[in-house]
Amino acid sequence: MSDVELDFRAHYVALVARKRLYGGIMLAIFALLMISGFMLADSRNAGGFWDGILNVFDFPADVWADTAPKLDQLPGHVVTYFPSLIETINIAAVATLVGAILGTVLSLLSTRGLARWPRLIGLFRRVMDIMRAVPEIVIALILIFVLGGGPVPAMIAIAFHTSGALGKLFSEVNENADLKPVEGLSSVGARWGQRMWLGIIPQVAPNYLSYALLRFEINIRASAILGFVGAGGIGYELKNAMAWGQGKYDEAAAIFILLFLTIVFFDQLSSHARNRLVHEGGR
């Protein structure tokens, strides 16, 4: 083996050892952060994690004890709370539609080679970062304070967050689009909106729709959660049923079942639609 090969091998071994060392250090730091964070959270928890973990099955046991004698009433409860479920789905659907439209515009304005104002690409990207960074529940709480309880604050909060999330995903799709149609349209004097609508949107529409469907699933869950803070829908009814405690747990169980079946249904439906879009788009 020549000196050059020996030097190359030694350099490679040293590089691998250095990468393993850095990886070990990062893993140790991550483990220490996890342990210290857990200890801090446990010390600030009212009851203590280790004391409370023993009672984790108490609530499900109470729900079952209250529901078992009333199983014949569950279908009636499902019918009663079905309109609230429809409200939750409507909130998610409108929020997804508004978020997808706004996310499309933001993605086109923040993609190099497509942006209407190239110097403002960084600004639009930071706007999407802010929209993704603020949780829906924080926005909903602020809007409920201003507008009062109801589905409108939930829809606005979810649409705001969805715009940032989909805008980021859409911009990544835009970067893989073919720019030749845009150049052709530009050569005949088409405006920016026409270039985007005729040259880019037809290429990226299947991926856009796939991401939008995935986000719709997420927004159904988010809409149900926001109901706990007074934003309407099935979550609000679940909060009320749980607040009554013993004696109303059968209604809470019916809402749990209704919400679970709904999420599974839309998950399977959107997964099937996304698979068809991906397969058809790849042909």
C-alpha atoms as a PDB file:
ATOM      1  CA  MET A   1       0.000   0.000   0.000  1.00  0.00           C
ATOM      2  CA  SER A   2       1.472   3.357  -1.031  1.00  0.00           C
ATOM      3  CA  ASP A   3       2.048   6.351   1.229  1.00  0.00           C
ATOM      4  CA  VAL A   4      -0.762   8.251  -0.470  1.00  0.00           C
ATOM      5  CA  GLU A   5      -3.233   5.444   0.178  1.00  0.00           C
ATOM      6  CA  LEU A   6      -2.064   5.201   3.807  1.00  0.00           C
ATOM      7  CA  ASP A   7      -2.503   8.934   4.286  1.00  0.00           C
ATOM      8  CA  PHE A   8      -5.955   8.805   2.686  1.00  0.00           C
ATOM      9  CA  ARG A   9      -6.995   5.894   4.889  1.00  0.00           C
ATOM     10  CA  ALA A  10      -5.693   7.594   8.028  1.00  0.00           C
ATOM     11  CA  HIS A  11      -7.514  10.791   7.089  1.00  0.00           C
ATOM     12  CA  TYR A  12     -10.735   8.850   6.470  1.00  0.00           C
ATOM     13  CA  VAL A  13     -10.471   6.994   9.796  1.00  0.00           C
ATOM     14  CA  ALA A  14      -9.824  10.274  11.620  1.00  0.00           C
ATOM     15  CA  LEU A  15     -12.813  11.887   9.885  1.00  0.00           C
ATOM     16  CA  VAL A  16     -15.119   8.987  10.847  1.00  0.00           C
ATOM     17  CA  ALA A  17     -13.862   9.083  14.437  1.00  0.00           C
ATOM     18  CA  ARG A  18     -14.457  12.843  14.597  1.00  0.00           C
ATOM     19  CA  LYS A  19     -18.004  12.471  13.268  1.00  0.00           C
ATOM     20  CA  ARG A  20     -18.730   9.748  15.812  1.00  0.00           C
ATOM     21  CA  LEU A  21     -17.340  11.941  18.582  1.00  0.00           C
ATOM     22  CA  TYR A  22     -19.514  14.878  17.546  1.00  0.00           C
ATOM     23  CA  GLY A  23     -22.509  12.586  17.229  1.00  0.00           C
ATOM     24  CA  GLY A  24     -21.904  11.185  20.711  1.00  0.00           C
ATOM     25  CA  ILE A  25     -21.562  14.670  22.175  1.00  0.00           C
ATOM     26  CA  MET A  26     -24.800  15.829  20.522  1.00  0.00           C
ATOM     27  CA  LEU A  27     -26.610  12.699  21.742  1.00  0.00           C
ATOM     28  CA  ALA A  28     -25.332  13.272  25.291  1.00  0.00           C
ATOM     29  CA  ILE A  29     -26.432  16.928  25.186  1.00  0.00           C
ATOM     30  CA  PHE A  30     -29.867  15.918  23.895  1.00  0.00           C
ATOM     31  CA  ALA A  31     -30.226  13.305  26.652  1.00  0.00           C
ATOM     32  CA  LEU A  32     -29.194  15.817  29.332  1.00  0.00           C
ATOM     33  CA  LEU A  33     -31.677  18.378  28.004  1.00  0.00           C
ATOM     34  CA  MET A  34     -34.460  15.785  28.017  1.00  0.00           C
ATOM     35  CA  ILE A  35     -33.662  14.669  31.564  1.00  0.00           C
ATOM     36  CA  SER A  36     -33.301  18.213  32.933  1.00  0.00           C
ATOM     37  CA  GLY A  37     -36.486  19.309  31.145  1.00  0.00           C
ATOM     38  CA  PHE A  38     -38.419  16.368  32.544  1.00  0.00           C
ATOM     39  CA  MET A  39     -37.124  17.006  36.063  1.00  0.00           C
ATOM     40  CA  LEU A  40     -38.033  20.705  35.820  1.00  0.00           C
ATOM     41  CA  ALA A  41     -41.528  19.937  34.501  1.00  0.00           C
ATOM     42  CA  ASP A  42     -42.044  17.306  37.191  1.00  0.00           C
ATOM     43  CA  SER A  43     -40.953  19.691  39.949  1.00  0.00           C
ATOM     44  CA  ARG A  44     -43.434  22.330  38.757  1.00  0.00           C
ATOM     45  CA  ASN A  45     -46.297  19.904  38.225  1.00  0.00           C
ATOM     46  CA  ALA A  46     -48.988  20.243  40.883  1.00  0.00           C
ATOM     47  CA  GLY A  47     -49.188  16.569  41.792  1.00  0.00           C
ATOM     48  CA  GLY A  48     -45.894  15.250  40.524  1.00  0.00           C
ATOM     49  CA  PHE A  49     -45.557  12.953  37.544  1.00  0.00           C
ATOM     50  CA  TRP A  50     -44.718   9.784  39.441  1.00  0.00           C
ATOM     51  CA  ASP A  51     -47.647  10.270  41.816  1.00  0.00           C
ATOM     52  CA  GLY A  52     -50.088  11.031  39.000  1.00  0.00           C
ATOM     53  CA  ILE A  53     -49.020   8.266  36.616  1.00  0.00           C
ATOM     54  CA  LEU A  54     -50.586   5.710  38.932  1.00  0.00           C
ATOM     55  CA  ASN A  55     -53.998   7.331  38.369  1.00  0.00           C
ATOM     56  CA  VAL A  56     -53.808   7.505  34.582  1.00  0.00           C
ATOM     57  CA  PHE A  57     -56.504   4.857  34.126  1.00  0.00           C
ATOM     58  CA  ASP A  58     -58.916   6.322  36.684  1.00  0.00           C
ATOM     59  CA  PHE A  59     -60.710   8.580  34.219  1.00  0.00           C
ATOM     60  CA  PRO A  60     -61.264   5.881  31.541  1.00  0.00           C
ATOM     61  CA  ALA A  61     -62.526   3.589  34.288  1.00  0.00           C
ATOM     62  CA  ASP A  62     -65.006   6.233  35.463  1.00  0.00           C
ATOM     63  CA  VAL A  63     -66.196   6.823  31.897  1.00  0.00           C
ATOM     64  CA  TRP A  64     -66.749   3.113  31.327  1.00  0.00           C
ATOM     65  CA  ALA A  65     -68.485   2.670  34.689  1.00  0.00           C
ATOM     66  CA  ASP A  66     -70.886   5.486  33.795  1.00  0.00           C
ATOM     67  CA  THR A  67     -71.394   4.374  30.184  1.00  0.00           C
ATOM     68  CA  ALA A  68     -71.779   0.601  30.558  1.00  0.00           C
ATOM     69  CA  PRO A  69     -75.291   0.739  32.102  1.00  0.00           C
ATOM     70  CA  LYS A  70     -76.401   3.222  29.388  1.00  0.00           C
ATOM     71  CA  LEU A  71     -75.097   1.616  26.219  1.00  0.00           C
ATOM     72  CA  ASP A  72     -78.593   1.667  24.726  1.00  0.00           C
ATOM     73  CA  GLN A  73     -78.546   5.491  24.927  1.00  0.00           C
ATOM     74  CA  LEU A  74     -75.346   5.943  22.893  1.00  0.00           C
ATOM     75  CA  PRO A  75     -77.093   6.025  19.465  1.00  0.00           C
ATOM     76  CA  GLY A  76     -79.368   8.798  20.708  1.00  0.00           C
ATOM     77  CA  HIS A  77     -76.383  10.790  21.969  1.00  0.00           C
ATOM     78  CA  VAL A  78     -74.641  10.339  18.623  1.00  0.00           C
ATOM     79  CA  VAL A  79     -77.672  11.788  16.823  1.00  0.00           C
ATOM     80  CA  THR A  80     -77.853  14.650  19.327  1.00  0.00           C
ATOM     81  CA  TYR A  81     -74.242  15.721  18.837  1.00  0.00           C
ATOM     82  CA  PHE A  82     -74.042  15.088  15.092  1.00  0.00           C
ATOM     83  CA  PRO A  83     -74.889  18.744  14.211  1.00  0.00           C
ATOM     84  CA  SER A  84     -71.961  19.874  16.373  1.00  0.00           C
ATOM     85  CA  LEU A  85     -69.729  17.479  14.458  1.00  0.00           C
ATOM     86  CA  ILE A  86     -70.900  18.989  11.179  1.00  0.00           C
ATOM     87  CA  GLU A  87     -70.023  22.427  12.564  1.00  0.00           C
ATOM     88  CA  THR A  88     -66.512  21.188  13.397  1.00  0.00           C
ATOM     89  CA  ILE A  89     -66.076  19.763   9.890  1.00  0.00           C
ATOM     90  CA  ASN A  90     -67.345  23.020   8.355  1.00  0.00           C
ATOM     91  CA  ILE A  91     -64.847  25.033  10.392  1.00  0.00           C
ATOM     92  CA  ALA A  92     -62.020  22.810   9.214  1.00  0.00           C
ATOM     93  CA  ALA A  93     -63.180  22.854   5.582  1.00  0.00           C
ATOM     94  CA  VAL A  94     -63.540  26.633   5.335  1.00  0.00           C
ATOM     95  CA  ALA A  95     -60.264  27.205   7.183  1.00  0.00           C
ATOM     96  CA  THR A  96     -58.472  24.785   4.860  1.00  0.00           C
ATOM     97  CA  LEU A  97     -59.919  26.438   1.755  1.00  0.00           C
ATOM     98  CA  VAL A  98     -59.023  29.960   2.899  1.00  0.00           C
ATOM     99  CA  GLY A  99     -55.597  28.827   4.100  1.00  0.00           C
ATOM    100  CA  ALA A 100     -54.893  27.030   0.808  1.00  0.00           C
ATOM    101  CA  ILE A 101     -55.802  30.094  -1.262  1.00  0.00           C
ATOM    102  CA  LEU A 102     -53.709  32.449   0.859  1.00  0.00           C
ATOM    103  CA  GLY A 103     -50.906  29.882   1.067  1.00  0.00           C
ATOM    104  CA  THR A 104     -50.873  29.604  -2.740  1.00  0.00           C
ATOM    105  CA  VAL A 105     -50.441  33.349  -3.139  1.00  0.00           C
ATOM    106  CA  LEU A 106     -47.731  33.516  -0.473  1.00  0.00           C
ATOM    107  CA  SER A 107     -45.890  30.532  -1.969  1.00  0.00           C
ATOM    108  CA  LEU A 108     -45.788  32.107  -5.428  1.00  0.00           C
ATOM    109  CA  LEU A 109     -44.588  35.407  -3.990  1.00  0.00           C
ATOM    110  CA  SER A 110     -41.795  33.678  -2.044  1.00  0.00           C
ATOM    111  CA  THR A 111     -40.430  31.345  -4.749  1.00  0.00           C
ATOM    112  CA  ARG A 112     -37.309  32.390  -6.640  1.00  0.00           C
ATOM    113  CA  GLY A 113     -37.954  32.685 -10.354  1.00  0.00           C
ATOM    114  CA  LEU A 114     -41.700  33.147  -9.839  1.00  0.00           C
ATOM    115  CA  ALA A 115     -42.005  35.984  -7.352  1.00  0.00           C
ATOM    116  CA  ARG A 116     -43.783  39.149  -8.462  1.00  0.00           C
ATOM    117  CA  TRP A 117     -41.394  41.243  -6.364  1.00  0.00           C
ATOM    118  CA  PRO A 118     -38.093  39.335  -6.001  1.00  0.00           C
ATOM    119  CA  ARG A 119     -36.717  41.749  -3.411  1.00  0.00           C
ATOM    120  CA  LEU A 120     -39.604  40.910  -1.071  1.00  0.00           C
ATOM    121  CA  ILE A 121     -39.101  37.138  -1.150  1.00  0.00           C
ATOM    122  CA  GLY A 122     -37.444  37.206   2.280  1.00  0.00           C
ATOM    123  CA  LEU A 123     -40.299  39.270   3.715  1.00  0.00           C
ATOM    124  CA  PHE A 124     -42.980  36.873   2.494  1.00  0.00           C
ATOM    125  CA  ARG A 125     -41.024  33.892   3.824  1.00  0.00           C
ATOM    126  CA  ARG A 126     -40.736  35.504   7.251  1.00  0.00           C
ATOM    127  CA  VAL A 127     -44.483  36.186   7.190  1.00  0.00           C
ATOM    128  CA  MET A 128     -45.128  32.488   6.581  1.00  0.00           C
ATOM    129  CA  ASP A 129     -42.698  31.604   9.384  1.00  0.00           C
ATOM    130  CA  ILE A 130     -44.670  33.790  11.790  1.00  0.00           C
ATOM    131  CA  MET A 131     -47.981  32.319  10.668  1.00  0.00           C
ATOM    132  CA  ARG A 132     -46.676  28.784  11.250  1.00  0.00           C
ATOM    133  CA  ALA A 133     -45.025  29.623  14.543  1.00  0.00           C
ATOM    134  CA  VAL A 134     -48.130  30.933  16.333  1.00  0.00           C
ATOM    135  CA  PRO A 135     -50.312  28.016  17.566  1.00  0.00           C
ATOM    136  CA  GLU A 136     -53.964  28.012  16.583  1.00  0.00           C
ATOM    137  CA  ILE A 137     -55.097  27.985  20.200  1.00  0.00           C
ATOM    138  CA  VAL A 138     -53.232  31.231  20.953  1.00  0.00           C
ATOM    139  CA  ILE A 139     -54.841  32.993  17.997  1.00  0.00           C
ATOM    140  CA  ALA A 140     -58.242  31.571  18.910  1.00  0.00           C
ATOM    141  CA  LEU A 141     -57.996  32.785  22.514  1.00  0.00           C
ATOM    142  CA  ILE A 142     -57.163  36.313  21.334  1.00  0.00           C
ATOM    143  CA  LEU A 143     -59.996  36.319  18.797  1.00  0.00           C
ATOM    144  CA  ILE A 144     -62.484  34.911  21.308  1.00  0.00           C
ATOM    145  CA  PHE A 145     -61.590  37.768  23.646  1.00  0.00           C
ATOM    146  CA  VAL A 146     -62.203  40.262  20.813  1.00  0.00           C
ATOM    147  CA  LEU A 147     -65.060  38.638  18.870  1.00  0.00           C
ATOM    148  CA  GLY A 148     -66.638  36.377  21.480  1.00  0.00           C
ATOM    149  CA  GLY A 149     -67.045  32.620  21.410  1.00  0.00           C
ATOM    150  CA  GLY A 150     -68.170  30.761  18.329  1.00  0.00           C
ATOM    151  CA  PRO A 151     -66.932  29.106  15.160  1.00  0.00           C
ATOM    152  CA  VAL A 152     -65.639  32.290  13.480  1.00  0.00           C
ATOM    153  CA  PRO A 153     -62.587  32.737  15.774  1.00  0.00           C
ATOM    154  CA  ALA A 154     -61.737  29.062  15.311  1.00  0.00           C
ATOM    155  CA  MET A 155     -61.977  29.325  11.529  1.00  0.00           C
ATOM    156  CA  ILE A 156     -59.770  32.429  11.399  1.00  0.00           C
ATOM    157  CA  ALA A 157     -57.199  30.922  13.776  1.00  0.00           C
ATOM    158  CA  ILE A 158     -56.927  27.665  11.829  1.00  0.00           C
ATOM    159  CA  ALA A 159     -56.872  29.462   8.460  1.00  0.00           C
ATOM    160  CA  PHE A 160     -54.069  31.751   9.675  1.00  0.00           C
ATOM    161  CA  HIS A 161     -51.888  28.834  10.749  1.00  0.00           C
ATOM    162  CA  THR A 162     -52.810  26.787   7.666  1.00  0.00           C
ATOM    163  CA  SER A 163     -51.744  29.613   5.345  1.00  0.00           C
ATOM    164  CA  GLY A 164     -48.226  29.573   6.746  1.00  0.00           C
ATOM    165  CA  ALA A 165     -47.955  25.782   6.781  1.00  0.00           C
ATOM    166  CA  LEU A 166     -49.309  25.238   3.263  1.00  0.00           C
ATOM    167  CA  GLY A 167     -47.428  28.250   1.929  1.00  0.00           C
ATOM    168  CA  LYS A 168     -44.156  26.633   2.975  1.00  0.00           C
ATOM    169  CA  LEU A 169     -45.087  23.275   1.413  1.00  0.00           C
ATOM    170  CA  PHE A 170     -46.419  24.883  -1.761  1.00  0.00           C
ATOM    171  CA  SER A 171     -43.257  26.972  -2.214  1.00  0.00           C
ATOM    172  CA  GLU A 172     -41.158  23.802  -2.130  1.00  0.00           C
ATOM    173  CA  VAL A 173     -43.393  22.313  -4.832  1.00  0.00           C
ATOM    174  CA  ASN A 174     -43.060  25.503  -6.908  1.00  0.00           C
ATOM    175  CA  GLU A 175     -39.282  25.213  -6.942  1.00  0.00           C
ATOM    176  CA  ASN A 176     -39.570  21.987  -8.986  1.00  0.00           C
ATOM    177  CA  ALA A 177     -41.937  23.466 -11.564  1.00  0.00           C
ATOM    178  CA  ASP A 178     -40.849  23.850 -15.189  1.00  0.00           C
ATOM    179  CA  LEU A 179     -40.351  27.550 -16.016  1.00  0.00           C
ATOM    180  CA  LYS A 180     -40.588  27.154 -19.803  1.00  0.00           C
ATOM    181  CA  PRO A 181     -44.384  27.746 -19.882  1.00  0.00           C
ATOM    182  CA  VAL A 182     -43.862  30.894 -17.809  1.00  0.00           C
ATOM    183  CA  GLU A 183     -41.203  32.139 -20.198  1.00  0.00           C
ATOM    184  CA  GLY A 184     -43.461  31.433 -23.170  1.00  0.00           C
ATOM    185  CA  LEU A 185     -46.371  33.310 -21.615  1.00  0.00           C
ATOM    186  CA  SER A 186     -44.077  36.189 -20.668  1.00  0.00           C
ATOM    187  CA  SER A 187     -42.887  36.471 -24.273  1.00  0.00           C
ATOM    188  CA  VAL A 188     -46.462  37.137 -25.461  1.00  0.00           C
ATOM    189  CA  GLY A 189     -47.076  39.810 -22.821  1.00  0.00           C
ATOM    190  CA  ALA A 190     -49.007  37.834 -20.182  1.00  0.00           C
ATOM    191  CA  ARG A 191     -49.327  39.466 -16.788  1.00  0.00           C
ATOM    192  CA  TRP A 192     -47.847  37.886 -13.641  1.00  0.00           C
ATOM    193  CA  GLY A 193     -51.182  36.468 -12.509  1.00  0.00           C
ATOM    194  CA  GLN A 194     -51.807  34.948 -15.925  1.00  0.00           C
ATOM    195  CA  ARG A 195     -48.326  33.401 -15.989  1.00  0.00           C
ATOM    196  CA  MET A 196     -48.878  31.806 -12.603  1.00  0.00           C
ATOM    197  CA  TRP A 197     -52.431  30.627 -13.340  1.00  0.00           C
ATOM    198  CA  LEU A 198     -51.677  29.172 -16.778  1.00  0.00           C
ATOM    199  CA  GLY A 199     -48.022  28.232 -16.486  1.00  0.00           C
ATOM    200  CA  ILE A 200     -47.467  27.074 -12.887  1.00  0.00           C
ATOM    201  CA  ILE A 201     -50.764  26.098 -11.270  1.00  0.00           C
ATOM    202  CA  PRO A 202     -51.580  23.290 -13.763  1.00  0.00           C
ATOM    203  CA  GLN A 203     -48.184  21.707 -13.022  1.00  0.00           C
ATOM    204  CA  VAL A 204     -48.410  21.847  -9.232  1.00  0.00           C
ATOM    205  CA  ALA A 205     -52.167  21.405  -8.716  1.00  0.00           C
ATOM    206  CA  PRO A 206     -52.007  17.660  -7.871  1.00  0.00           C
ATOM    207  CA  ASN A 207     -49.371  18.228  -5.182  1.00  0.00           C
ATOM    208  CA  TYR A 208     -51.232  21.290  -3.898  1.00  0.00           C
ATOM    209  CA  LEU A 209     -54.433  19.283  -3.533  1.00  0.00           C
ATOM    210  CA  SER A 210     -52.603  16.406  -1.862  1.00  0.00           C
ATOM    211  CA  TYR A 211     -51.099  18.700   0.766  1.00  0.00           C
ATOM    212  CA  ALA A 212     -54.429  20.495   1.243  1.00  0.00           C
ATOM    213  CA  LEU A 213     -56.207  17.208   1.937  1.00  0.00           C
ATOM    214  CA  LEU A 214     -53.562  16.254   4.461  1.00  0.00           C
ATOM    215  CA  ARG A 215     -53.966  19.625   6.133  1.00  0.00           C
ATOM    216  CA  PHE A 216     -57.741  19.160   6.193  1.00  0.00           C
ATOM    217  CA  GLU A 217     -57.277  16.070   8.384  1.00  0.00           C
ATOM    218  CA  ILE A 218     -55.111  18.073  10.773  1.00  0.00           C
ATOM    219  CA  ASN A 219     -57.585  20.945  10.844  1.00  0.00           C
ATOM    220  CA  ILE A 220     -60.456  18.657  11.862  1.00  0.00           C
ATOM    221  CA  ARG A 221     -58.486  17.709  14.964  1.00  0.00           C
ATOM    222  CA  ALA A 222     -57.508  21.327  15.574  1.00  0.00           C
ATOM    223  CA  SER A 223     -61.129  22.453  15.258  1.00  0.00           C
ATOM    224  CA  ALA A 224     -62.225  19.886  17.835  1.00  0.00           C
ATOM    225  CA  ILE A 225     -59.475  20.982  20.234  1.00  0.00           C
ATOM    226  CA  LEU A 226     -60.343  24.670  19.884  1.00  0.00           C
ATOM    227  CA  GLY A 227     -63.855  23.843  21.022  1.00  0.00           C
ATOM    228  CA  PHE A 228     -62.413  23.396  24.511  1.00  0.00           C
ATOM    229  CA  VAL A 229     -61.632  27.119  24.669  1.00  0.00           C
ATOM    230  CA  GLY A 230     -65.112  28.163  23.543  1.00  0.00           C
ATOM    231  CA  ALA A 231     -64.702  28.099  19.764  1.00  0.00           C
ATOM    232  CA  GLY A 232     -67.792  25.954  19.164  1.00  0.00           C
ATOM    233  CA  GLY A 233     -68.160  22.600  17.472  1.00  0.00           C
ATOM    234  CA  ILE A 234     -67.932  19.117  18.905  1.00  0.00           C
ATOM    235  CA  GLY A 235     -65.058  20.083  21.185  1.00  0.00           C
ATOM    236  CA  TYR A 236     -67.249  22.551  23.044  1.00  0.00           C
ATOM    237  CA  GLU A 237     -69.887  19.871  23.623  1.00  0.00           C
ATOM    238  CA  LEU A 238     -67.204  17.448  24.825  1.00  0.00           C
ATOM    239  CA  LYS A 239     -65.895  20.015  27.264  1.00  0.00           C
ATOM    240  CA  ASN A 240     -69.387  20.572  28.694  1.00  0.00           C
ATOM    241  CA  ALA A 241     -70.058  16.833  28.999  1.00  0.00           C
ATOM    242  CA  MET A 242     -66.766  16.273  30.815  1.00  0.00           C
ATOM    243  CA  ALA A 243     -67.296  19.304  33.049  1.00  0.00           C
ATOM    244  CA  TRP A 244     -70.514  17.801  34.446  1.00  0.00           C
ATOM    245  CA  GLY A 245     -68.511  14.802  35.608  1.00  0.00           C
ATOM    246  CA  GLN A 246     -70.117  11.623  36.828  1.00  0.00           C
ATOM    247  CA  GLY A 247     -73.540  11.126  35.294  1.00  0.00           C
ATOM    248  CA  LYS A 248     -72.659  12.714  31.939  1.00  0.00           C
ATOM    249  CA  TYR A 249     -69.716  10.526  30.996  1.00  0.00           C
ATOM    250  CA  ASP A 250     -71.946   8.468  28.709  1.00  0.00           C
ATOM    251  CA  GLU A 251     -72.444  11.585  26.564  1.00  0.00           C
ATOM    252  CA  ALA A 252     -68.689  12.194  26.597  1.00  0.00           C
ATOM    253  CA  ALA A 253     -68.155   8.608  25.461  1.00  0.00           C
ATOM    254  CA  ALA A 254     -70.583   9.092  22.563  1.00  0.00           C
ATOM    255  CA  ILE A 255     -68.721  12.235  21.500  1.00  0.00           C
ATOM    256  CA  PHE A 256     -65.387  10.403  21.730  1.00  0.00           C
ATOM    257  CA  ILE A 257     -66.732   7.640  19.499  1.00  0.00           C
ATOM    258  CA  LEU A 258     -68.242  10.098  17.026  1.00  0.00           C
ATOM    259  CA  LEU A 259     -65.047  12.122  16.804  1.00  0.00           C
ATOM    260  CA  PHE A 260     -62.869   9.030  16.470  1.00  0.00           C
ATOM    261  CA  LEU A 261     -64.964   7.580  13.641  1.00  0.00           C
ATOM    262  CA  THR A 262     -64.983  10.927  11.847  1.00  0.00           C
ATOM    263  CA  ILE A 263     -61.206  11.308  11.996  1.00  0.00           C
ATOM    264  CA  VAL A 264     -60.688   7.732  10.809  1.00  0.00           C
ATOM    265  CA  PHE A 265     -63.162   8.250   7.951  1.00  0.00           C
ATOM    266  CA  PHE A 266     -61.550  11.444   6.676  1.00  0.00           C
ATOM    267  CA  ASP A 267     -58.072  10.019   7.193  1.00  0.00           C
ATOM    268  CA  GLN A 268     -58.881   7.038   4.977  1.00  0.00           C
ATOM    269  CA  LEU A 269     -60.739   9.186   2.441  1.00  0.00           C
ATOM    270  CA  SER A 270     -57.961  11.757   2.074  1.00  0.00           C
ATOM    271  CA  SER A 271     -55.265   9.057   2.012  1.00  0.00           C
ATOM    272  CA  HIS A 272     -57.073   7.338  -0.856  1.00  0.00           C
ATOM    273  CA  ALA A 273     -57.486  10.638  -2.706  1.00  0.00           C
ATOM    274  CA  ARG A 274     -53.821  11.573  -2.171  1.00  0.00           C
ATOM    275  CA  ASN A 275     -52.637   8.205  -3.439  1.00  0.00           C
ATOM    276  CA  ARG A 276     -54.707   8.582  -6.600  1.00  0.00           C
ATOM    277  CA  LEU A 277     -53.396  12.097  -7.126  1.00  0.00           C
ATOM    278  CA  VAL A 278     -49.785  11.024  -6.682  1.00  0.00           C
ATOM    279  CA  HIS A 279     -50.128   8.031  -9.018  1.00  0.00           C
ATOM    280  CA  GLU A 280     -52.007   9.990 -11.671  1.00  0.00           C
ATOM    281  CA  GLY A 281     -49.622  12.922 -11.371  1.00  0.00           C
ATOM    282  CA  GLY A 282     -46.650  10.629 -11.895  1.00  0.00           C
ATOM    283  CA  ARG A 283     -47.932   9.247 -15.204  1.00  0.00           C
END
